[in-house]
PDB file of N, CA and C in Angstrom:
ATOM      1  N   UNK A   1     116.824 114.649 107.347  1.00  0.00           N
ATOM      2  CA  UNK A   1     117.350 113.682 107.518  1.00  0.00           C
ATOM      3  C   UNK A   1     115.748 112.756 107.746  1.00  0.00           C
ATOM      4  N   UNK A   2     115.488 112.353 108.558  1.00  0.00           N
ATOM      5  CA  UNK A   2     113.751 111.203 108.862  1.00  0.00           C
ATOM      6  C   UNK A   2     114.552 110.209 109.789  1.00  0.00           C
ATOM      7  N   UNK A   3     113.300 110.236 111.015  1.00  0.00           N
ATOM      8  CA  UNK A   3     113.949 109.234 111.239  1.00  0.00           C
ATOM      9  C   UNK A   3     113.653 108.425 111.251  1.00  0.00           C
ATOM     10  N   UNK A   4     114.389 107.314 112.756  1.00  0.00           N
ATOM     11  CA  UNK A   4     114.514 106.005 112.253  1.00  0.00           C
ATOM     12  C   UNK A   4     113.131 105.643 112.203  1.00  0.00           C
ATOM     13  N   UNK A   5     112.579 104.323 112.020  1.00  0.00           N
ATOM     14  CA  UNK A   5     111.668 103.499 111.711  1.00  0.00           C
ATOM     15  C   UNK A   5     111.201 102.984 113.188  1.00  0.00           C
ATOM     16  N   UNK A   6     110.309 102.686 113.964  1.00  0.00           N
ATOM     17  CA  UNK A   6     109.225 102.550 115.012  1.00  0.00           C
ATOM     18  C   UNK A   6     109.007 101.007 114.403  1.00  0.00           C
ATOM     19  N   UNK A   7     110.393  99.691 115.692  1.00  0.00           N
ATOM     20  CA  UNK A   7     110.078  98.773 114.806  1.00  0.00           C
ATOM     21  C   UNK A   7     108.864  97.899 115.316  1.00  0.00           C
ATOM     22  N   UNK A   8     107.927  98.650 116.539  1.00  0.00           N
ATOM     23  CA  UNK A   8     107.183  98.512 116.833  1.00  0.00           C
ATOM     24  C   UNK A   8     105.922  99.053 116.115  1.00  0.00           C
ATOM     25  N   UNK A   9     106.019  99.849 115.467  1.00  0.00           N
ATOM     26  CA  UNK A   9     104.770 100.875 114.091  1.00  0.00           C
ATOM     27  C   UNK A   9     103.715  99.514 114.062  1.00  0.00           C
ATOM     28  N   UNK A  10     104.066  98.589 113.774  1.00  0.00           N
ATOM     29  CA  UNK A  10     102.878  97.312 113.890  1.00  0.00           C
ATOM     30  C   UNK A  10     102.009  96.499 113.754  1.00  0.00           C
ATOM     31  N   UNK A  11     101.290  96.239 115.075  1.00  0.00           N
ATOM     32  CA  UNK A  11     100.959  95.543 116.034  1.00  0.00           C
ATOM     33  C   UNK A  11     100.682  94.008 115.981  1.00  0.00           C
ATOM     34  N   UNK A  12     102.129  93.252 116.178  1.00  0.00           N
ATOM     35  CA  UNK A  12     102.360  92.014 115.496  1.00  0.00           C
ATOM     36  C   UNK A  12     100.992  90.876 116.151  1.00  0.00           C
ATOM     37  N   UNK A  13     100.753  91.586 116.691  1.00  0.00           N
ATOM     38  CA  UNK A  13      98.744  90.568 117.326  1.00  0.00           C
ATOM     39  C   UNK A  13      97.840  90.953 116.291  1.00  0.00           C
ATOM     40  N   UNK A  14      97.664  92.042 116.059  1.00  0.00           N
ATOM     41  CA  UNK A  14      97.176  92.046 115.091  1.00  0.00           C
ATOM     42  C   UNK A  14      96.588  91.806 113.745  1.00  0.00           C
ATOM     43  N   UNK A  15      95.748  90.899 114.028  1.00  0.00           N
ATOM     44  CA  UNK A  15      95.445  90.443 112.379  1.00  0.00           C
ATOM     45  C   UNK A  15      95.297  90.606 111.028  1.00  0.00           C
ATOM     46  N   UNK A  16      96.118  92.037 110.408  1.00  0.00           N
ATOM     47  CA  UNK A  16      95.826  92.439 109.394  1.00  0.00           C
ATOM     48  C   UNK A  16      94.737  91.994 108.269  1.00  0.00           C
ATOM     49  N   UNK A  17      95.215  91.171 108.303  1.00  0.00           N
ATOM     50  CA  UNK A  17      94.843  89.985 106.758  1.00  0.00           C
ATOM     51  C   UNK A  17      92.696  90.106 107.704  1.00  0.00           C
ATOM     52  N   UNK A  18      93.006  90.419 108.328  1.00  0.00           N
ATOM     53  CA  UNK A  18      91.239  89.890 108.413  1.00  0.00           C
ATOM     54  C   UNK A  18      90.544  91.365 108.018  1.00  0.00           C
ATOM     55  N   UNK A  19      91.207  92.271 108.197  1.00  0.00           N
ATOM     56  CA  UNK A  19      90.539  93.941 107.449  1.00  0.00           C
ATOM     57  C   UNK A  19      89.973  93.363 106.752  1.00  0.00           C
ATOM     58  N   UNK A  20      88.375  94.404 105.883  1.00  0.00           N
ATOM     59  CA  UNK A  20      88.445  94.240 104.963  1.00  0.00           C
ATOM     60  C   UNK A  20      88.781  94.900 103.350  1.00  0.00           C
ATOM     61  N   UNK A  21      89.574  95.843 103.474  1.00  0.00           N
ATOM     62  CA  UNK A  21      90.105  96.220 102.696  1.00  0.00           C
ATOM     63  C   UNK A  21      91.313  96.541 102.698  1.00  0.00           C
ATOM     64  N   UNK A  22      91.663  96.497 101.345  1.00  0.00           N
ATOM     65  CA  UNK A  22      93.236  96.067 101.052  1.00  0.00           C
ATOM     66  C   UNK A  22      93.613  96.502 100.270  1.00  0.00           C
ATOM     67  N   UNK A  23      94.757  97.985 100.519  1.00  0.00           N
ATOM     68  CA  UNK A  23      95.374  97.637  99.013  1.00  0.00           C
ATOM     69  C   UNK A  23      96.611  97.255  98.632  1.00  0.00           C
ATOM     70  N   UNK A  24      96.340  96.507  97.593  1.00  0.00           N
ATOM     71  CA  UNK A  24      97.145  95.832  97.231  1.00  0.00           C
ATOM     72  C   UNK A  24      96.997  95.042  97.392  1.00  0.00           C
ATOM     73  N   UNK A  25      98.768  93.995  97.535  1.00  0.00           N
ATOM     74  CA  UNK A  25      98.991  93.247  98.280  1.00  0.00           C
ATOM     75  C   UNK A  25      98.662  93.166  99.789  1.00  0.00           C
ATOM     76  N   UNK A  26      98.993  92.203 100.539  1.00  0.00           N
ATOM     77  CA  UNK A  26      98.981  92.029 101.904  1.00  0.00           C
ATOM     78  C   UNK A  26     100.418  93.435 102.121  1.00  0.00           C
ATOM     79  N   UNK A  27     101.484  93.422 101.885  1.00  0.00           N
ATOM     80  CA  UNK A  27     102.340  94.130 102.698  1.00  0.00           C
ATOM     81  C   UNK A  27     102.796  96.030 101.768  1.00  0.00           C
ATOM     82  N   UNK A  28     101.487  95.766 100.156  1.00  0.00           N
ATOM     83  CA  UNK A  28     101.664  97.082 100.003  1.00  0.00           C
ATOM     84  C   UNK A  28     100.858  97.974 101.102  1.00  0.00           C
ATOM     85  N   UNK A  29     100.119  98.511 101.530  1.00  0.00           N
ATOM     86  CA  UNK A  29      99.565  99.006 102.372  1.00  0.00           C
ATOM     87  C   UNK A  29     100.687  99.080 103.299  1.00  0.00           C
ATOM     88  N   UNK A  30     100.886  98.119 104.339  1.00  0.00           N
ATOM     89  CA  UNK A  30     102.477  98.579 105.450  1.00  0.00           C
ATOM     90  C   UNK A  30     103.342  99.587 104.229  1.00  0.00           C
ATOM     91  N   UNK A  31     103.222  98.942 103.680  1.00  0.00           N
ATOM     92  CA  UNK A  31     105.152  99.562 102.942  1.00  0.00           C
ATOM     93  C   UNK A  31     105.226 101.249 102.860  1.00  0.00           C
ATOM     94  N   UNK A  32     103.624 101.713 101.638  1.00  0.00           N
ATOM     95  CA  UNK A  32     102.554 103.351 101.376  1.00  0.00           C
ATOM     96  C   UNK A  32     103.461 103.931 103.680  1.00  0.00           C
ATOM     97  N   UNK A  33     102.711 102.800 103.896  1.00  0.00           N
ATOM     98  CA  UNK A  33     103.174 103.201 105.373  1.00  0.00           C
ATOM     99  C   UNK A  33     104.110 103.604 105.889  1.00  0.00           C
ATOM    100  N   UNK A  34     105.184 103.096 105.796  1.00  0.00           N
ATOM    101  CA  UNK A  34     106.461 103.009 106.389  1.00  0.00           C
ATOM    102  C   UNK A  34     107.395 104.355 105.579  1.00  0.00           C
ATOM    103  N   UNK A  35     106.662 104.098 104.667  1.00  0.00           N
ATOM    104  CA  UNK A  35     107.293 105.824 103.194  1.00  0.00           C
ATOM    105  C   UNK A  35     106.471 107.502 103.002  1.00  0.00           C
ATOM    106  N   UNK A  36     106.006 107.032 104.426  1.00  0.00           N
ATOM    107  CA  UNK A  36     104.912 108.499 104.722  1.00  0.00           C
ATOM    108  C   UNK A  36     105.529 109.130 105.243  1.00  0.00           C
ATOM    109  N   UNK A  37     106.572 108.995 105.465  1.00  0.00           N
ATOM    110  CA  UNK A  37     107.177 110.292 106.374  1.00  0.00           C
ATOM    111  C   UNK A  37     108.734 110.470 105.262  1.00  0.00           C
ATOM    112  N   UNK A  38     108.875 109.761 104.455  1.00  0.00           N
ATOM    113  CA  UNK A  38     110.107 110.738 103.448  1.00  0.00           C
ATOM    114  C   UNK A  38     110.715 109.222 103.267  1.00  0.00           C
ATOM    115  N   UNK A  39     111.986 109.479 102.340  1.00  0.00           N
ATOM    116  CA  UNK A  39     112.128 108.597 102.075  1.00  0.00           C
ATOM    117  C   UNK A  39     112.769 106.935 102.399  1.00  0.00           C
ATOM    118  N   UNK A  40     112.988 106.194 102.423  1.00  0.00           N
ATOM    119  CA  UNK A  40     113.744 105.098 103.295  1.00  0.00           C
ATOM    120  C   UNK A  40     114.550 103.939 102.229  1.00  0.00           C
ATOM    121  N   UNK A  41     114.809 102.936 103.286  1.00  0.00           N
ATOM    122  CA  UNK A  41     116.904 102.465 102.143  1.00  0.00           C
ATOM    123  C   UNK A  41     115.811 100.708 102.257  1.00  0.00           C
ATOM    124  N   UNK A  42     116.540 100.012 101.883  1.00  0.00           N
ATOM    125  CA  UNK A  42     115.248  98.424 101.612  1.00  0.00           C
ATOM    126  C   UNK A  42     115.492  97.900 103.298  1.00  0.00           C
ATOM    127  N   UNK A  43     116.841  97.984 103.558  1.00  0.00           N
ATOM    128  CA  UNK A  43     117.720  97.699 105.004  1.00  0.00           C
ATOM    129  C   UNK A  43     116.183  98.955 106.716  1.00  0.00           C
ATOM    130  N   UNK A  44     115.894  99.725 106.099  1.00  0.00           N
ATOM    131  CA  UNK A  44     115.081 100.002 107.012  1.00  0.00           C
ATOM    132  C   UNK A  44     113.788 100.061 107.140  1.00  0.00           C
ATOM    133  N   UNK A  45     113.484  99.447 105.704  1.00  0.00           N
ATOM    134  CA  UNK A  45     112.510  99.094 105.987  1.00  0.00           C
ATOM    135  C   UNK A  45     111.911  97.476 106.223  1.00  0.00           C
ATOM    136  N   UNK A  46     112.855  96.408 106.778  1.00  0.00           N
ATOM    137  CA  UNK A  46     112.627  95.419 107.049  1.00  0.00           C
ATOM    138  C   UNK A  46     112.693  95.445 108.788  1.00  0.00           C
ATOM    139  N   UNK A  47     112.324  96.689 109.195  1.00  0.00           N
ATOM    140  CA  UNK A  47     112.940  96.934 111.149  1.00  0.00           C
ATOM    141  C   UNK A  47     111.997  97.179 111.224  1.00  0.00           C
ATOM    142  N   UNK A  48     110.483  98.046 110.685  1.00  0.00           N
ATOM    143  CA  UNK A  48     108.899  97.280 110.966  1.00  0.00           C
ATOM    144  C   UNK A  48     108.377  95.893 110.825  1.00  0.00           C
ATOM    145  N   UNK A  49     108.375  95.937 109.129  1.00  0.00           N
ATOM    146  CA  UNK A  49     108.443  94.849 108.594  1.00  0.00           C
ATOM    147  C   UNK A  49     109.045  93.433 108.686  1.00  0.00           C
ATOM    148  N   UNK A  50     109.531  93.127 109.867  1.00  0.00           N
ATOM    149  CA  UNK A  50     109.706  92.056 109.690  1.00  0.00           C
ATOM    150  C   UNK A  50     109.828  90.670 109.546  1.00  0.00           C
ATOM    151  N   UNK A  51     108.080  90.373 108.996  1.00  0.00           N
ATOM    152  CA  UNK A  51     107.674  89.691 109.204  1.00  0.00           C
ATOM    153  C   UNK A  51     107.625  88.795 107.974  1.00  0.00           C
ATOM    154  N   UNK A  52     108.879  89.870 106.687  1.00  0.00           N
ATOM    155  CA  UNK A  52     108.439  90.074 105.694  1.00  0.00           C
ATOM    156  C   UNK A  52     109.549  89.395 105.050  1.00  0.00           C
ATOM    157  N   UNK A  53     109.747  88.204 104.082  1.00  0.00           N
ATOM    158  CA  UNK A  53     111.754  87.800 103.262  1.00  0.00           C
ATOM    159  C   UNK A  53     111.951  88.660 102.865  1.00  0.00           C
ATOM    160  N   UNK A  54     113.421  88.589 102.472  1.00  0.00           N
ATOM    161  CA  UNK A  54     113.426  90.450 101.407  1.00  0.00           C
ATOM    162  C   UNK A  54     113.183  89.796 100.280  1.00  0.00           C
ATOM    163  N   UNK A  55     112.727  88.540  99.682  1.00  0.00           N
ATOM    164  CA  UNK A  55     112.249  88.557  98.377  1.00  0.00           C
ATOM    165  C   UNK A  55     111.181  89.107  97.472  1.00  0.00           C
ATOM    166  N   UNK A  56     109.974  88.750  98.907  1.00  0.00           N
ATOM    167  CA  UNK A  56     108.667  89.364  98.873  1.00  0.00           C
ATOM    168  C   UNK A  56     108.677  90.781  99.815  1.00  0.00           C
ATOM    169  N   UNK A  57     109.571  91.447  99.916  1.00  0.00           N
ATOM    170  CA  UNK A  57     109.242  92.707  99.470  1.00  0.00           C
ATOM    171  C   UNK A  57     110.572  93.362  98.309  1.00  0.00           C
ATOM    172  N   UNK A  58     110.411  92.319  98.111  1.00  0.00           N
ATOM    173  CA  UNK A  58     111.313  93.058  96.811  1.00  0.00           C
ATOM    174  C   UNK A  58     110.765  92.718  95.754  1.00  0.00           C
ATOM    175  N   UNK A  59     109.619  91.888  95.450  1.00  0.00           N
ATOM    176  CA  UNK A  59     108.337  91.780  94.977  1.00  0.00           C
ATOM    177  C   UNK A  59     107.514  93.229  94.678  1.00  0.00           C
ATOM    178  N   UNK A  60     107.164  93.451  96.603  1.00  0.00           N
ATOM    179  CA  UNK A  60     105.913  94.469  96.428  1.00  0.00           C
ATOM    180  C   UNK A  60     106.941  95.400  96.154  1.00  0.00           C
ATOM    181  N   UNK A  61     108.161  95.854  96.099  1.00  0.00           N
ATOM    182  CA  UNK A  61     108.633  96.963  96.025  1.00  0.00           C
ATOM    183  C   UNK A  61     107.943  97.566  94.449  1.00  0.00           C
ATOM    184  N   UNK A  62     109.443  96.479  93.421  1.00  0.00           N
ATOM    185  CA  UNK A  62     108.471  96.574  92.760  1.00  0.00           C
ATOM    186  C   UNK A  62     107.205  96.669  92.138  1.00  0.00           C
ATOM    187  N   UNK A  63     106.142  95.673  92.879  1.00  0.00           N
ATOM    188  CA  UNK A  63     105.319  96.171  91.934  1.00  0.00           C
ATOM    189  C   UNK A  63     104.752  97.213  92.199  1.00  0.00           C
ATOM    190  N   UNK A  64     105.025  98.148  92.940  1.00  0.00           N
ATOM    191  CA  UNK A  64     104.352  99.412  94.067  1.00  0.00           C
ATOM    192  C   UNK A  64     105.377 100.728  92.349  1.00  0.00           C
ATOM    193  N   UNK A  65     106.423  99.969  92.772  1.00  0.00           N
ATOM    194  CA  UNK A  65     107.436 101.055  92.256  1.00  0.00           C
ATOM    195  C   UNK A  65     106.794 101.116  90.044  1.00  0.00           C
ATOM    196  N   UNK A  66     105.606  99.794  89.843  1.00  0.00           N
ATOM    197  CA  UNK A  66     106.022  99.551  88.743  1.00  0.00           C
ATOM    198  C   UNK A  66     104.171 100.257  88.628  1.00  0.00           C
ATOM    199  N   UNK A  67     103.564 100.635  88.815  1.00  0.00           N
ATOM    200  CA  UNK A  67     102.194 101.168  89.573  1.00  0.00           C
ATOM    201  C   UNK A  67     102.295 102.512  89.621  1.00  0.00           C
ATOM    202  N   UNK A  68     103.141 102.653  89.382  1.00  0.00           N
ATOM    203  CA  UNK A  68     103.170 104.212  89.957  1.00  0.00           C
ATOM    204  C   UNK A  68     103.719 104.983  90.993  1.00  0.00           C
ATOM    205  N   UNK A  69     103.157 103.992  92.826  1.00  0.00           N
ATOM    206  CA  UNK A  69     102.825 104.859  93.692  1.00  0.00           C
ATOM    207  C   UNK A  69     103.791 104.838  94.133  1.00  0.00           C
ATOM    208  N   UNK A  70     105.708 103.807  94.468  1.00  0.00           N
ATOM    209  CA  UNK A  70     106.565 104.799  95.059  1.00  0.00           C
ATOM    210  C   UNK A  70     107.520 105.094  93.272  1.00  0.00           C
ATOM    211  N   UNK A  71     109.106 105.139  94.010  1.00  0.00           N
ATOM    212  CA  UNK A  71     110.834 105.967  93.031  1.00  0.00           C
ATOM    213  C   UNK A  71     111.407 104.663  93.724  1.00  0.00           C
ATOM    214  N   UNK A  72     112.170 104.059  92.711  1.00  0.00           N
ATOM    215  CA  UNK A  72     113.566 103.818  93.419  1.00  0.00           C
ATOM    216  C   UNK A  72     114.625 104.553  92.828  1.00  0.00           C
ATOM    217  N   UNK A  73     115.208 104.885  93.965  1.00  0.00           N
ATOM    218  CA  UNK A  73     115.997 106.630  93.580  1.00  0.00           C
ATOM    219  C   UNK A  73     117.482 105.860  93.858  1.00  0.00           C
ATOM    220  N   UNK A  74     118.955 105.311  92.964  1.00  0.00           N
ATOM    221  CA  UNK A  74     119.665 104.318  93.335  1.00  0.00           C
ATOM    222  C   UNK A  74     120.543 106.270  93.478  1.00  0.00           C
ATOM    223  N   UNK A  75     121.777 106.431  94.937  1.00  0.00           N
ATOM    224  CA  UNK A  75     122.166 107.347  94.428  1.00  0.00           C
ATOM    225  C   UNK A  75     123.839 107.034  94.789  1.00  0.00           C
ATOM    226  N   UNK A  76     125.207 107.801  94.277  1.00  0.00           N
ATOM    227  CA  UNK A  76     126.685 106.908  94.605  1.00  0.00           C
ATOM    228  C   UNK A  76     126.485 105.835  95.915  1.00  0.00           C
ATOM    229  N   UNK A  77     126.764 105.041  95.260  1.00  0.00           N
ATOM    230  CA  UNK A  77     127.816 104.122  96.241  1.00  0.00           C
ATOM    231  C   UNK A  77     126.423 102.484  96.215  1.00  0.00           C
ATOM    232  N   UNK A  78     125.384 102.808  94.968  1.00  0.00           N
ATOM    233  CA  UNK A  78     124.763 101.790  94.977  1.00  0.00           C
ATOM    234  C   UNK A  78     123.850 102.286  96.188  1.00  0.00           C
ATOM    235  N   UNK A  79     123.715 102.784  96.997  1.00  0.00           N
ATOM    236  CA  UNK A  79     122.297 103.623  98.298  1.00  0.00           C
ATOM    237  C   UNK A  79     121.347 103.147  97.192  1.00  0.00           C
ATOM    238  N   UNK A  80     120.451 102.427  97.663  1.00  0.00           N
ATOM    239  CA  UNK A  80     119.466 102.978  96.687  1.00  0.00           C
ATOM    240  C   UNK A  80     117.622 103.456  97.913  1.00  0.00           C
ATOM    241  N   UNK A  81     117.606 103.867  98.001  1.00  0.00           N
ATOM    242  CA  UNK A  81     116.272 104.361  98.792  1.00  0.00           C
ATOM    243  C   UNK A  81     114.604 104.522  97.579  1.00  0.00           C
ATOM    244  N   UNK A  82     113.405 104.444  98.703  1.00  0.00           N
ATOM    245  CA  UNK A  82     112.318 104.046  97.898  1.00  0.00           C
ATOM    246  C   UNK A  82     111.760 105.445  98.749  1.00  0.00           C
ATOM    247  N   UNK A  83     111.088 106.133  97.656  1.00  0.00           N
ATOM    248  CA  UNK A  83     110.125 106.759  98.722  1.00  0.00           C
ATOM    249  C   UNK A  83     108.449 106.794  98.001  1.00  0.00           C
ATOM    250  N   UNK A  84     107.247 107.289  98.004  1.00  0.00           N
ATOM    251  CA  UNK A  84     106.403 107.834  97.614  1.00  0.00           C
ATOM    252  C   UNK A  84     106.004 108.643  96.675  1.00  0.00           C
ATOM    253  N   UNK A  85     105.838 108.294  94.951  1.00  0.00           N
ATOM    254  CA  UNK A  85     105.077 109.117  94.560  1.00  0.00           C
ATOM    255  C   UNK A  85     104.371 109.865  94.881  1.00  0.00           C
ATOM    256  N   UNK A  86     103.977 111.253  93.944  1.00  0.00           N
ATOM    257  CA  UNK A  86     102.746 112.532  94.166  1.00  0.00           C
ATOM    258  C   UNK A  86     101.531 110.648  94.186  1.00  0.00           C
ATOM    259  N   UNK A  87     101.626 110.346  93.319  1.00  0.00           N
ATOM    260  CA  UNK A  87     100.206 109.218  93.608  1.00  0.00           C
ATOM    261  C   UNK A  87     100.195 108.163  94.362  1.00  0.00           C
ATOM    262  N   UNK A  88     101.046 107.144  95.038  1.00  0.00           N
ATOM    263  CA  UNK A  88     101.590 107.202  95.798  1.00  0.00           C
ATOM    264  C   UNK A  88     101.115 107.306  98.109  1.00  0.00           C
ATOM    265  N   UNK A  89     101.356 109.102  97.164  1.00  0.00           N
ATOM    266  CA  UNK A  89     101.112 109.985  98.733  1.00  0.00           C
ATOM    267  C   UNK A  89      99.736 110.000  98.101  1.00  0.00           C
ATOM    268  N   UNK A  90      99.143 109.865  97.194  1.00  0.00           N
ATOM    269  CA  UNK A  90      97.391 110.553  97.287  1.00  0.00           C
ATOM    270  C   UNK A  90      96.741 109.175  97.751  1.00  0.00           C
ATOM    271  N   UNK A  91      96.947 107.775  98.420  1.00  0.00           N
ATOM    272  CA  UNK A  91      96.631 107.260  99.284  1.00  0.00           C
ATOM    273  C   UNK A  91      96.477 107.072 100.250  1.00  0.00           C
ATOM    274  N   UNK A  92      97.260 107.665 101.396  1.00  0.00           N
ATOM    275  CA  UNK A  92      97.426 108.250 102.350  1.00  0.00           C
ATOM    276  C   UNK A  92      95.877 108.527 103.090  1.00  0.00           C
ATOM    277  N   UNK A  93      95.013 109.344 102.106  1.00  0.00           N
ATOM    278  CA  UNK A  93      93.922 109.869 102.547  1.00  0.00           C
ATOM    279  C   UNK A  93      93.343 108.579 102.879  1.00  0.00           C
ATOM    280  N   UNK A  94      92.668 107.487 101.755  1.00  0.00           N
ATOM    281  CA  UNK A  94      91.935 106.924 101.916  1.00  0.00           C
ATOM    282  C   UNK A  94      92.512 105.421 102.298  1.00  0.00           C
ATOM    283  N   UNK A  95      93.335 105.439 102.766  1.00  0.00           N
ATOM    284  CA  UNK A  95      94.880 104.368 104.005  1.00  0.00           C
ATOM    285  C   UNK A  95      93.617 104.968 105.091  1.00  0.00           C
ATOM    286  N   UNK A  96      93.716 106.164 105.608  1.00  0.00           N
ATOM    287  CA  UNK A  96      93.328 106.602 106.892  1.00  0.00           C
ATOM    288  C   UNK A  96      91.494 106.194 106.757  1.00  0.00           C
ATOM    289  N   UNK A  97      90.682 106.287 105.853  1.00  0.00           N
ATOM    290  CA  UNK A  97      89.613 106.158 106.470  1.00  0.00           C
ATOM    291  C   UNK A  97      89.500 104.817 106.206  1.00  0.00           C
ATOM    292  N   UNK A  98      90.005 103.250 106.047  1.00  0.00           N
ATOM    293  CA  UNK A  98      90.123 102.643 105.479  1.00  0.00           C
ATOM    294  C   UNK A  98      90.441 101.773 107.188  1.00  0.00           C
ATOM    295  N   UNK A  99      91.129 103.040 107.570  1.00  0.00           N
ATOM    296  CA  UNK A  99      91.823 101.511 109.209  1.00  0.00           C
ATOM    297  C   UNK A  99      90.802 102.866 110.559  1.00  0.00           C
ATOM    298  N   UNK A 100      90.543 104.496 109.893  1.00  0.00           N
ATOM    299  CA  UNK A 100      89.116 103.912 111.030  1.00  0.00           C
ATOM    300  C   UNK A 100      88.511 103.779 110.787  1.00  0.00           C
ATOM    301  N   UNK A 101      87.285 103.312 109.691  1.00  0.00           N
ATOM    302  CA  UNK A 101      86.398 102.678 109.796  1.00  0.00           C
ATOM    303  C   UNK A 101      86.703 101.378 110.090  1.00  0.00           C
ATOM    304  N   UNK A 102      87.202 100.581 110.303  1.00  0.00           N
ATOM    305  CA  UNK A 102      88.021  99.099 110.118  1.00  0.00           C
ATOM    306  C   UNK A 102      88.108  99.123 111.584  1.00  0.00           C
ATOM    307  N   UNK A 103      88.930 100.562 112.631  1.00  0.00           N
ATOM    308  CA  UNK A 103      88.552 100.432 114.051  1.00  0.00           C
ATOM    309  C   UNK A 103      87.231 100.208 114.722  1.00  0.00           C
ATOM    310  N   UNK A 104      86.803 101.708 113.736  1.00  0.00           N
ATOM    311  CA  UNK A 104      85.531 101.756 113.915  1.00  0.00           C
ATOM    312  C   UNK A 104      84.313  99.948 113.872  1.00  0.00           C
ATOM    313  N   UNK A 105      84.407  98.924 113.695  1.00  0.00           N
ATOM    314  CA  UNK A 105      83.824  98.017 113.260  1.00  0.00           C
ATOM    315  C   UNK A 105      84.712  96.865 113.351  1.00  0.00           C
ATOM    316  N   UNK A 106      85.681  96.873 114.256  1.00  0.00           N
ATOM    317  CA  UNK A 106      86.604  96.018 114.842  1.00  0.00           C
ATOM    318  C   UNK A 106      86.336  94.530 114.953  1.00  0.00           C
ATOM    319  N   UNK A 107      85.059  94.768 116.318  1.00  0.00           N
ATOM    320  CA  UNK A 107      83.464  93.450 117.028  1.00  0.00           C
ATOM    321  C   UNK A 107      83.746  93.122 115.976  1.00  0.00           C
ATOM    322  N   UNK A 108      82.736  93.810 115.536  1.00  0.00           N
ATOM    323  CA  UNK A 108      81.579  93.525 114.470  1.00  0.00           C
ATOM    324  C   UNK A 108      82.518  91.965 113.368  1.00  0.00           C
ATOM    325  N   UNK A 109      83.562  92.774 113.008  1.00  0.00           N
ATOM    326  CA  UNK A 109      84.344  91.680 111.078  1.00  0.00           C
ATOM    327  C   UNK A 109      84.733  90.607 112.705  1.00  0.00           C
ATOM    328  N   UNK A 110      85.980  90.984 113.695  1.00  0.00           N
ATOM    329  CA  UNK A 110      85.568  89.613 114.724  1.00  0.00           C
ATOM    330  C   UNK A 110      84.799  88.592 114.827  1.00  0.00           C
ATOM    331  N   UNK A 111      83.714  89.137 115.001  1.00  0.00           N
ATOM    332  CA  UNK A 111      82.511  88.109 115.057  1.00  0.00           C
ATOM    333  C   UNK A 111      82.346  87.453 114.503  1.00  0.00           C
ATOM    334  N   UNK A 112      82.569  87.857 112.431  1.00  0.00           N
ATOM    335  CA  UNK A 112      81.667  87.852 111.764  1.00  0.00           C
ATOM    336  C   UNK A 112      82.949  86.627 111.213  1.00  0.00           C
ATOM    337  N   UNK A 113      84.328  86.880 111.903  1.00  0.00           N
ATOM    338  CA  UNK A 113      85.366  85.862 111.278  1.00  0.00           C
ATOM    339  C   UNK A 113      85.570  84.664 112.143  1.00  0.00           C
ATOM    340  N   UNK A 114      85.083  84.784 113.465  1.00  0.00           N
ATOM    341  CA  UNK A 114      84.758  83.383 114.144  1.00  0.00           C
ATOM    342  C   UNK A 114      83.635  82.837 114.053  1.00  0.00           C
ATOM    343  N   UNK A 115      82.547  83.683 113.204  1.00  0.00           N
ATOM    344  CA  UNK A 115      81.444  82.825 113.249  1.00  0.00           C
ATOM    345  C   UNK A 115      81.395  81.533 112.280  1.00  0.00           C
TER     346      UNK A 115
END
């Protein structure tokens, strides 16, 4: 059993859309981060991703599934879980590198955006 996702795992004040490196659509990288520690149900993903609508989350999950980055498993009683595939898990290293680079250059990125 995985621990509940922290509702504040993503800083709502962080303008992540300014990051020059994006993995998939606007939400894909965040979804991958949510699945990093194990399978999650749709309702669990909605906790830290409170800014996403159910329709958009569904679309992003379908896209990630179609691209082979996550799996969708239906358990008895119609309980559905999403999990990273080995391919999806291989994205964690590049995402960590992109986050580190962005953190190191954040002031420069903000200055360029404001100019």
